[in-house]
Amino acid sequence: MNSYNVDKLQSERLEHFLNVNSLLKISLGLVLFTIISSALVYAETLSVDIEGNSFDIDYTATGMIVSGIEPDLEFVSLILTVDVTDSTGTLDITFERSFFDSIYEGLDDDFFVLIDQDFAYFTETETTTQSRTLSIEVPAGTDDIEIIGTVFGIPAETEETMMDETMEEETMEESTETVDETPKIQCGPGTILKNGACELDERCGPGTVLKDGVCVLDSTPKSSETSVKIVSREFITGVFAALGIAGAIGIILGIMYKVSKSKN
C-alpha cells in the first residue's frame, strides 16, 4: 500500500513537471515572437546628395522598410520610397537644420507630409536648435512619402568657405572702386606730375620736352590766342612799313617835281 502511494505521488510530480515544461516552451515561443517583431524596428541612416553635397539622415522605421530617398529641388522636398510590412507602419525621421528645414519669416513653420499624394498624419516629436524630428504614420500599401519644407541647407564647412570667398570678392570690389575713384591727373607737354600737381619740367631746356627719357624739340602747336597775337603784330608792322615807304617815295617825287619846275 505504501509503495502504491509513493508511485502515485511521483506520478503527480511528473505531471506537474510536464506542465512546467509546457510553460517553458510557451515562454520561449513568446521570446522568439518578440525577437522577430523587434527585428522590424531598426534605426538606419540614409544618404542624399544636394548639388554635390552629401547629407546623412537618421530615421527609425517600425513595421516598414525604407528603400530609397530622392530630393526635389524645385518643390524643396524629400521623397522616400517605402514598403509597409505591417498593417500600419511608423517612420521617425530627423532632419539637421543645416540640411533641411521649414522656415517662414525667420520662425519655424510646419512641414507638409504627403503619402501617395495625400496629406498624412504626423507629429513633430522633437525640436532643437540643431534638428527637428517627425513621426509619421504610414498605412499599408504606401509606396512613397514626400516631406515638403522651405529650404535646403549646406554643410557648415561649405558655408564657411563660401562666406570667405564672398568676403574676398567684396574686398576686391572695394579696392577696385577705390582705385577707380582716384582722380587721374594728366600733365601737358613740358610739365611733369609731382606731389599730385603738374609742374614745369626743368630737366630739359626751353623749347624742348622730355620724351622717352630724351629731350626733344617741342613740336606742340601753339595756341590759337598766341597765333592771333603774332599775326596781328606782323600785320601792324607791315602797315607801318608800307606807310613809311609810301611817304619816302612821296617826298622824293615832290623834290624831283620842284627841281624840274625851277629849271623850267
C-alpha atoms as a PDB file:
ATOM      1  CA  MET A   1       0.000   0.000   0.000  1.00  0.00           C
ATOM      2  CA  ASN A   2       2.834   2.357   0.859  1.00  0.00           C
ATOM      3  CA  SER A   3       4.558   1.569  -2.414  1.00  0.00           C
ATOM      4  CA  TYR A   4       1.351   2.394  -4.280  1.00  0.00           C
ATOM      5  CA  ASN A   5       1.095   5.745  -2.567  1.00  0.00           C
ATOM      6  CA  VAL A   6       4.711   6.597  -3.414  1.00  0.00           C
ATOM      7  CA  ASP A   7       4.190   5.736  -7.085  1.00  0.00           C
ATOM      8  CA  LYS A   8       1.069   7.860  -7.208  1.00  0.00           C
ATOM      9  CA  LEU A   9       2.890  10.801  -5.654  1.00  0.00           C
ATOM     10  CA  GLN A  10       5.752  10.501  -8.129  1.00  0.00           C
ATOM     11  CA  SER A  11       3.251  10.340 -10.984  1.00  0.00           C
ATOM     12  CA  GLU A  12       1.609  13.552  -9.806  1.00  0.00           C
ATOM     13  CA  ARG A  13       5.033  15.233  -9.582  1.00  0.00           C
ATOM     14  CA  LEU A  14       5.874  14.158 -13.132  1.00  0.00           C
ATOM     15  CA  GLU A  15       2.596  15.603 -14.379  1.00  0.00           C
ATOM     16  CA  HIS A  16       3.492  18.821 -12.599  1.00  0.00           C
ATOM     17  CA  PHE A  17       6.924  18.894 -14.262  1.00  0.00           C
ATOM     18  CA  LEU A  18       5.283  18.332 -17.643  1.00  0.00           C
ATOM     19  CA  ASN A  19       3.141  21.402 -17.068  1.00  0.00           C
ATOM     20  CA  VAL A  20       6.251  23.426 -16.206  1.00  0.00           C
ATOM     21  CA  ASN A  21       7.921  22.257 -19.419  1.00  0.00           C
ATOM     22  CA  SER A  22       4.897  23.375 -21.394  1.00  0.00           C
ATOM     23  CA  LEU A  23       5.100  26.783 -19.792  1.00  0.00           C
ATOM     24  CA  LEU A  24       8.778  26.997 -20.661  1.00  0.00           C
ATOM     25  CA  LYS A  25       8.020  26.181 -24.274  1.00  0.00           C
ATOM     26  CA  ILE A  26       5.324  28.841 -24.393  1.00  0.00           C
ATOM     27  CA  SER A  27       7.729  31.343 -22.883  1.00  0.00           C
ATOM     28  CA  LEU A  28      10.396  30.517 -25.426  1.00  0.00           C
ATOM     29  CA  GLY A  29       7.830  30.947 -28.187  1.00  0.00           C
ATOM     30  CA  LEU A  30       6.902  34.381 -26.893  1.00  0.00           C
ATOM     31  CA  VAL A  31      10.560  35.347 -26.710  1.00  0.00           C
ATOM     32  CA  LEU A  32      11.083  34.283 -30.310  1.00  0.00           C
ATOM     33  CA  PHE A  33       7.992  36.184 -31.385  1.00  0.00           C
ATOM     34  CA  THR A  34       9.238  39.285 -29.590  1.00  0.00           C
ATOM     35  CA  ILE A  35      12.630  38.972 -31.260  1.00  0.00           C
ATOM     36  CA  ILE A  36      11.029  38.599 -34.684  1.00  0.00           C
ATOM     37  CA  SER A  37       8.727  41.557 -34.047  1.00  0.00           C
ATOM     38  CA  SER A  38      11.561  43.726 -32.806  1.00  0.00           C
ATOM     39  CA  ALA A  39      13.510  42.882 -35.924  1.00  0.00           C
ATOM     40  CA  LEU A  40      11.038  45.033 -37.831  1.00  0.00           C
ATOM     41  CA  VAL A  41      12.058  48.074 -35.744  1.00  0.00           C
ATOM     42  CA  TYR A  42      15.502  49.363 -36.668  1.00  0.00           C
ATOM     43  CA  ALA A  43      17.499  52.567 -36.806  1.00  0.00           C
ATOM     44  CA  GLU A  44      19.139  53.404 -40.095  1.00  0.00           C
ATOM     45  CA  THR A  45      20.873  56.238 -41.944  1.00  0.00           C
ATOM     46  CA  LEU A  46      20.056  57.446 -45.451  1.00  0.00           C
ATOM     47  CA  SER A  47      22.405  59.498 -47.627  1.00  0.00           C
ATOM     48  CA  VAL A  48      21.114  62.090 -50.067  1.00  0.00           C
ATOM     49  CA  ASP A  49      23.030  64.335 -52.472  1.00  0.00           C
ATOM     50  CA  ILE A  50      22.077  68.021 -52.860  1.00  0.00           C
ATOM     51  CA  GLU A  51      24.007  69.872 -55.570  1.00  0.00           C
ATOM     52  CA  GLY A  52      27.180  67.905 -54.946  1.00  0.00           C
ATOM     53  CA  ASN A  53      26.904  67.947 -51.129  1.00  0.00           C
ATOM     54  CA  SER A  54      26.159  64.669 -49.334  1.00  0.00           C
ATOM     55  CA  PHE A  55      23.929  64.607 -46.244  1.00  0.00           C
ATOM     56  CA  ASP A  56      23.068  61.800 -43.788  1.00  0.00           C
ATOM     57  CA  ILE A  57      19.514  61.420 -42.469  1.00  0.00           C
ATOM     58  CA  ASP A  58      18.803  59.340 -39.343  1.00  0.00           C
ATOM     59  CA  TYR A  59      15.492  57.506 -39.169  1.00  0.00           C
ATOM     60  CA  THR A  60      13.725  54.640 -37.402  1.00  0.00           C
ATOM     61  CA  ALA A  61      11.192  52.511 -39.280  1.00  0.00           C
ATOM     62  CA  THR A  62       8.629  50.350 -37.462  1.00  0.00           C
ATOM     63  CA  GLY A  63       6.637  47.815 -39.465  1.00  0.00           C
ATOM     64  CA  MET A  64       8.021  49.142 -42.732  1.00  0.00           C
ATOM     65  CA  ILE A  65      11.168  49.325 -44.872  1.00  0.00           C
ATOM     66  CA  VAL A  66      12.647  52.450 -46.467  1.00  0.00           C
ATOM     67  CA  SER A  67      14.365  51.517 -49.722  1.00  0.00           C
ATOM     68  CA  GLY A  68      15.384  54.897 -51.149  1.00  0.00           C
ATOM     69  CA  ILE A  69      15.264  58.689 -50.999  1.00  0.00           C
ATOM     70  CA  GLU A  70      15.396  61.415 -53.661  1.00  0.00           C
ATOM     71  CA  PRO A  71      15.390  65.232 -53.356  1.00  0.00           C
ATOM     72  CA  ASP A  72      13.091  67.502 -55.338  1.00  0.00           C
ATOM     73  CA  LEU A  73      14.908  70.833 -55.556  1.00  0.00           C
ATOM     74  CA  GLU A  74      12.027  72.615 -57.298  1.00  0.00           C
ATOM     75  CA  PHE A  75       9.488  71.903 -54.526  1.00  0.00           C
ATOM     76  CA  VAL A  76      12.116  71.737 -51.726  1.00  0.00           C
ATOM     77  CA  SER A  77      11.046  68.253 -50.677  1.00  0.00           C
ATOM     78  CA  LEU A  78      12.358  64.751 -49.988  1.00  0.00           C
ATOM     79  CA  ILE A  79      10.654  61.699 -51.496  1.00  0.00           C
ATOM     80  CA  LEU A  80      11.116  58.359 -49.701  1.00  0.00           C
ATOM     81  CA  THR A  81      10.312  55.013 -51.280  1.00  0.00           C
ATOM     82  CA  VAL A  82       8.812  52.640 -48.663  1.00  0.00           C
ATOM     83  CA  ASP A  83       7.320  49.166 -48.223  1.00  0.00           C
ATOM     84  CA  VAL A  84       4.907  48.739 -45.307  1.00  0.00           C
ATOM     85  CA  THR A  85       5.131  45.196 -43.917  1.00  0.00           C
ATOM     86  CA  ASP A  86       2.596  45.648 -41.104  1.00  0.00           C
ATOM     87  CA  SER A  87      -0.972  46.926 -41.057  1.00  0.00           C
ATOM     88  CA  THR A  88       0.380  50.356 -40.138  1.00  0.00           C
ATOM     89  CA  GLY A  89       3.985  51.497 -40.135  1.00  0.00           C
ATOM     90  CA  THR A  90       5.672  54.336 -38.282  1.00  0.00           C
ATOM     91  CA  LEU A  91       8.563  56.444 -39.574  1.00  0.00           C
ATOM     92  CA  ASP A  92      10.556  58.588 -37.160  1.00  0.00           C
ATOM     93  CA  ILE A  93      12.933  60.793 -39.150  1.00  0.00           C
ATOM     94  CA  THR A  94      15.345  63.533 -38.029  1.00  0.00           C
ATOM     95  CA  PHE A  95      16.481  66.481 -40.167  1.00  0.00           C
ATOM     96  CA  GLU A  96      19.506  68.587 -39.344  1.00  0.00           C
ATOM     97  CA  ARG A  97      18.535  72.236 -39.753  1.00  0.00           C
ATOM     98  CA  SER A  98      21.733  72.894 -41.708  1.00  0.00           C
ATOM     99  CA  PHE A  99      20.426  70.425 -44.311  1.00  0.00           C
ATOM    100  CA  PHE A 100      16.619  70.627 -44.456  1.00  0.00           C
ATOM    101  CA  ASP A 101      14.203  72.904 -42.628  1.00  0.00           C
ATOM    102  CA  SER A 102      10.847  74.672 -42.832  1.00  0.00           C
ATOM    103  CA  ILE A 103      11.140  78.380 -42.004  1.00  0.00           C
ATOM    104  CA  TYR A 104       8.820  81.330 -42.571  1.00  0.00           C
ATOM    105  CA  GLU A 105       9.873  84.913 -41.781  1.00  0.00           C
ATOM    106  CA  GLY A 106      12.692  83.637 -39.587  1.00  0.00           C
ATOM    107  CA  LEU A 107      10.485  81.339 -37.469  1.00  0.00           C
ATOM    108  CA  ASP A 108       9.818  77.579 -37.518  1.00  0.00           C
ATOM    109  CA  ASP A 109       6.997  76.590 -39.827  1.00  0.00           C
ATOM    110  CA  ASP A 110       5.205  73.239 -40.205  1.00  0.00           C
ATOM    111  CA  PHE A 111       6.419  70.662 -42.680  1.00  0.00           C
ATOM    112  CA  PHE A 112       3.947  69.165 -45.153  1.00  0.00           C
ATOM    113  CA  VAL A 113       3.817  65.380 -45.486  1.00  0.00           C
ATOM    114  CA  LEU A 114       2.159  63.578 -48.397  1.00  0.00           C
ATOM    115  CA  ILE A 115       1.582  59.825 -48.573  1.00  0.00           C
ATOM    116  CA  ASP A 116       0.952  58.767 -52.163  1.00  0.00           C
ATOM    117  CA  GLN A 117      -0.012  62.416 -52.912  1.00  0.00           C
ATOM    118  CA  ASP A 118      -2.493  62.587 -49.979  1.00  0.00           C
ATOM    119  CA  PHE A 119      -1.952  64.577 -46.787  1.00  0.00           C
ATOM    120  CA  ALA A 120      -0.678  62.374 -43.981  1.00  0.00           C
ATOM    121  CA  TYR A 121      -0.982  62.495 -40.210  1.00  0.00           C
ATOM    122  CA  PHE A 122       2.283  63.237 -38.413  1.00  0.00           C
ATOM    123  CA  THR A 123       3.631  64.924 -35.290  1.00  0.00           C
ATOM    124  CA  GLU A 124       6.853  66.801 -34.593  1.00  0.00           C
ATOM    125  CA  THR A 125       8.223  64.902 -31.619  1.00  0.00           C
ATOM    126  CA  GLU A 126      11.433  66.815 -31.001  1.00  0.00           C
ATOM    127  CA  THR A 127      12.626  70.318 -31.900  1.00  0.00           C
ATOM    128  CA  THR A 128      16.075  71.703 -31.073  1.00  0.00           C
ATOM    129  CA  THR A 129      18.285  74.470 -32.382  1.00  0.00           C
ATOM    130  CA  GLN A 130      20.173  71.835 -34.404  1.00  0.00           C
ATOM    131  CA  SER A 131      17.479  69.443 -35.656  1.00  0.00           C
ATOM    132  CA  ARG A 132      13.785  68.583 -35.996  1.00  0.00           C
ATOM    133  CA  THR A 133      12.242  65.095 -35.690  1.00  0.00           C
ATOM    134  CA  LEU A 134       8.974  63.982 -37.291  1.00  0.00           C
ATOM    135  CA  SER A 135       6.903  60.866 -36.512  1.00  0.00           C
ATOM    136  CA  ILE A 136       4.737  59.779 -39.450  1.00  0.00           C
ATOM    137  CA  GLU A 137       2.011  57.125 -39.506  1.00  0.00           C
ATOM    138  CA  VAL A 138       2.207  55.118 -42.720  1.00  0.00           C
ATOM    139  CA  PRO A 139      -0.730  52.873 -43.754  1.00  0.00           C
ATOM    140  CA  ALA A 140      -0.302  49.554 -45.526  1.00  0.00           C
ATOM    141  CA  GLY A 141       0.060  49.769 -49.299  1.00  0.00           C
ATOM    142  CA  THR A 142       2.009  53.052 -49.232  1.00  0.00           C
ATOM    143  CA  ASP A 143       4.622  53.419 -51.972  1.00  0.00           C
ATOM    144  CA  ASP A 144       6.185  56.811 -51.273  1.00  0.00           C
ATOM    145  CA  ILE A 145       6.278  59.561 -48.663  1.00  0.00           C
ATOM    146  CA  GLU A 146       7.012  63.173 -49.629  1.00  0.00           C
ATOM    147  CA  ILE A 147       8.161  65.616 -46.933  1.00  0.00           C
ATOM    148  CA  ILE A 148       7.986  69.274 -48.011  1.00  0.00           C
ATOM    149  CA  GLY A 149       9.983  72.051 -46.349  1.00  0.00           C
ATOM    150  CA  THR A 150      11.104  75.532 -47.393  1.00  0.00           C
ATOM    151  CA  VAL A 151      14.889  75.409 -47.641  1.00  0.00           C
ATOM    152  CA  PHE A 152      17.781  73.068 -48.322  1.00  0.00           C
ATOM    153  CA  GLY A 153      20.878  73.989 -46.387  1.00  0.00           C
ATOM    154  CA  ILE A 154      24.575  73.402 -46.961  1.00  0.00           C
ATOM    155  CA  PRO A 155      27.289  71.814 -44.748  1.00  0.00           C
ATOM    156  CA  ALA A 156      28.961  74.104 -42.221  1.00  0.00           C
ATOM    157  CA  GLU A 157      32.406  73.750 -43.869  1.00  0.00           C
ATOM    158  CA  THR A 158      30.996  74.626 -47.280  1.00  0.00           C
ATOM    159  CA  GLU A 159      29.130  77.601 -45.799  1.00  0.00           C
ATOM    160  CA  GLU A 160      32.318  78.931 -44.172  1.00  0.00           C
ATOM    161  CA  THR A 161      34.215  78.523 -47.450  1.00  0.00           C
ATOM    162  CA  MET A 162      31.507  80.394 -49.368  1.00  0.00           C
ATOM    163  CA  MET A 163      31.491  83.190 -46.767  1.00  0.00           C
ATOM    164  CA  ASP A 164      35.292  83.527 -47.065  1.00  0.00           C
ATOM    165  CA  GLU A 165      35.053  83.677 -50.869  1.00  0.00           C
ATOM    166  CA  THR A 166      32.274  86.279 -50.653  1.00  0.00           C
ATOM    167  CA  MET A 167      34.338  88.436 -48.284  1.00  0.00           C
ATOM    168  CA  GLU A 168      37.345  88.201 -50.612  1.00  0.00           C
ATOM    169  CA  GLU A 169      35.215  89.243 -53.606  1.00  0.00           C
ATOM    170  CA  GLU A 170      33.734  92.186 -51.682  1.00  0.00           C
ATOM    171  CA  THR A 171      37.247  93.278 -50.616  1.00  0.00           C
ATOM    172  CA  MET A 172      38.463  93.129 -54.224  1.00  0.00           C
ATOM    173  CA  GLU A 173      35.431  95.127 -55.413  1.00  0.00           C
ATOM    174  CA  GLU A 174      36.021  97.786 -52.752  1.00  0.00           C
ATOM    175  CA  SER A 175      39.696  98.018 -53.762  1.00  0.00           C
ATOM    176  CA  THR A 176      38.718  98.381 -57.418  1.00  0.00           C
ATOM    177  CA  GLU A 177      36.187 101.081 -56.584  1.00  0.00           C
ATOM    178  CA  THR A 178      38.819 102.939 -54.549  1.00  0.00           C
ATOM    179  CA  VAL A 179      41.273 102.841 -57.437  1.00  0.00           C
ATOM    180  CA  ASP A 180      38.593 103.918 -59.920  1.00  0.00           C
ATOM    181  CA  GLU A 181      37.526 106.823 -57.729  1.00  0.00           C
ATOM    182  CA  THR A 182      41.089 108.201 -57.606  1.00  0.00           C
ATOM    183  CA  PRO A 183      41.221 111.215 -59.983  1.00  0.00           C
ATOM    184  CA  LYS A 184      43.600 110.777 -62.884  1.00  0.00           C
ATOM    185  CA  ILE A 185      45.847 113.823 -63.458  1.00  0.00           C
ATOM    186  CA  GLN A 186      47.331 114.325 -66.919  1.00  0.00           C
ATOM    187  CA  CYS A 187      50.021 116.944 -67.393  1.00  0.00           C
ATOM    188  CA  GLY A 188      50.667 118.775 -70.674  1.00  0.00           C
ATOM    189  CA  PRO A 189      53.891 118.881 -72.680  1.00  0.00           C
ATOM    190  CA  GLY A 190      56.829 120.360 -70.829  1.00  0.00           C
ATOM    191  CA  THR A 191      55.330 119.564 -67.418  1.00  0.00           C
ATOM    192  CA  ILE A 192      55.545 116.605 -65.060  1.00  0.00           C
ATOM    193  CA  LEU A 193      53.363 115.280 -62.219  1.00  0.00           C
ATOM    194  CA  LYS A 194      54.977 115.954 -58.880  1.00  0.00           C
ATOM    195  CA  ASN A 195      53.296 115.627 -55.460  1.00  0.00           C
ATOM    196  CA  GLY A 196      49.882 115.407 -57.123  1.00  0.00           C
ATOM    197  CA  ALA A 197      50.324 118.608 -59.193  1.00  0.00           C
ATOM    198  CA  CYS A 198      51.694 119.460 -62.656  1.00  0.00           C
ATOM    199  CA  GLU A 199      54.975 121.388 -62.511  1.00  0.00           C
ATOM    200  CA  LEU A 200      57.318 122.713 -65.200  1.00  0.00           C
ATOM    201  CA  ASP A 201      59.726 120.063 -66.383  1.00  0.00           C
ATOM    202  CA  GLU A 202      63.101 121.706 -65.746  1.00  0.00           C
ATOM    203  CA  ARG A 203      65.071 118.697 -66.826  1.00  0.00           C
ATOM    204  CA  CYS A 204      65.076 119.879 -70.476  1.00  0.00           C
ATOM    205  CA  GLY A 205      65.919 123.327 -71.942  1.00  0.00           C
ATOM    206  CA  PRO A 206      63.444 125.871 -73.334  1.00  0.00           C
ATOM    207  CA  GLY A 207      61.578 124.721 -76.423  1.00  0.00           C
ATOM    208  CA  THR A 208      62.206 121.040 -75.645  1.00  0.00           C
ATOM    209  CA  VAL A 209      60.307 118.371 -73.774  1.00  0.00           C
ATOM    210  CA  LEU A 210      61.241 115.051 -72.203  1.00  0.00           C
ATOM    211  CA  LYS A 211      60.066 112.135 -74.348  1.00  0.00           C
ATOM    212  CA  ASP A 212      61.062 108.515 -73.703  1.00  0.00           C
ATOM    213  CA  GLY A 213      63.793 109.767 -71.392  1.00  0.00           C
ATOM    214  CA  VAL A 214      65.336 112.100 -74.052  1.00  0.00           C
ATOM    215  CA  CYS A 215      64.919 115.890 -74.530  1.00  0.00           C
ATOM    216  CA  VAL A 216      63.411 116.557 -77.982  1.00  0.00           C
ATOM    217  CA  LEU A 217      62.151 119.672 -79.758  1.00  0.00           C
ATOM    218  CA  ASP A 218      58.659 120.654 -78.635  1.00  0.00           C
ATOM    219  CA  SER A 219      56.515 120.259 -81.740  1.00  0.00           C
ATOM    220  CA  THR A 220      53.286 121.013 -79.938  1.00  0.00           C
ATOM    221  CA  PRO A 221      51.183 123.536 -81.948  1.00  0.00           C
ATOM    222  CA  LYS A 222      50.879 126.967 -80.373  1.00  0.00           C
ATOM    223  CA  SER A 223      47.582 128.020 -79.009  1.00  0.00           C
ATOM    224  CA  SER A 224      45.177 129.957 -81.206  1.00  0.00           C
ATOM    225  CA  GLU A 225      45.478 133.011 -78.957  1.00  0.00           C
ATOM    226  CA  THR A 226      49.246 133.181 -79.419  1.00  0.00           C
ATOM    227  CA  SER A 227      48.890 132.743 -83.193  1.00  0.00           C
ATOM    228  CA  VAL A 228      46.407 135.629 -83.371  1.00  0.00           C
ATOM    229  CA  LYS A 229      48.769 137.872 -81.424  1.00  0.00           C
ATOM    230  CA  ILE A 230      51.665 137.062 -83.758  1.00  0.00           C
ATOM    231  CA  VAL A 231      49.562 137.651 -86.890  1.00  0.00           C
ATOM    232  CA  SER A 232      48.271 140.975 -85.523  1.00  0.00           C
ATOM    233  CA  ARG A 233      51.775 142.162 -84.686  1.00  0.00           C
ATOM    234  CA  GLU A 234      53.131 141.232 -88.134  1.00  0.00           C
ATOM    235  CA  PHE A 235      50.148 142.948 -89.831  1.00  0.00           C
ATOM    236  CA  ILE A 236      50.639 146.211 -87.925  1.00  0.00           C
ATOM    237  CA  THR A 237      54.378 146.202 -88.609  1.00  0.00           C
ATOM    238  CA  GLY A 238      53.746 145.695 -92.342  1.00  0.00           C
ATOM    239  CA  VAL A 239      51.224 148.550 -92.450  1.00  0.00           C
ATOM    240  CA  PHE A 240      53.639 150.980 -90.797  1.00  0.00           C
ATOM    241  CA  ALA A 241      56.448 149.846 -93.083  1.00  0.00           C
ATOM    242  CA  ALA A 242      54.257 150.350 -96.166  1.00  0.00           C
ATOM    243  CA  LEU A 243      53.243 153.811 -94.947  1.00  0.00           C
ATOM    244  CA  GLY A 244      56.868 154.714 -94.331  1.00  0.00           C
ATOM    245  CA  ILE A 245      57.932 153.620 -97.797  1.00  0.00           C
ATOM    246  CA  ALA A 246      54.986 155.395 -99.415  1.00  0.00           C
ATOM    247  CA  GLY A 247      55.862 158.578 -97.520  1.00  0.00           C
ATOM    248  CA  ALA A 248      59.506 158.403 -98.561  1.00  0.00           C
ATOM    249  CA  ILE A 249      58.535 157.895-102.190  1.00  0.00           C
ATOM    250  CA  GLY A 250      56.142 160.848-101.975  1.00  0.00           C
ATOM    251  CA  ILE A 251      58.867 163.099-100.541  1.00  0.00           C
ATOM    252  CA  ILE A 252      61.328 162.056-103.289  1.00  0.00           C
ATOM    253  CA  LEU A 253      58.755 162.687-106.015  1.00  0.00           C
ATOM    254  CA  GLY A 254      57.966 166.097-104.530  1.00  0.00           C
ATOM    255  CA  ILE A 255      61.615 167.112-104.502  1.00  0.00           C
ATOM    256  CA  MET A 256      62.043 165.938-108.089  1.00  0.00           C
ATOM    257  CA  TYR A 257      58.982 167.939-109.148  1.00  0.00           C
ATOM    258  CA  LYS A 258      60.300 171.157-107.555  1.00  0.00           C
ATOM    259  CA  VAL A 259      63.732 170.723-109.121  1.00  0.00           C
ATOM    260  CA  SER A 260      62.202 170.193-112.567  1.00  0.00           C
ATOM    261  CA  LYS A 261      59.944 173.195-112.181  1.00  0.00           C
ATOM    262  CA  SER A 262      62.769 175.506-111.145  1.00  0.00           C
ATOM    263  CA  LYS A 263      64.817 174.596-114.184  1.00  0.00           C
ATOM    264  CA  ASN A 264      61.972 175.481-116.494  1.00  0.00           C
END
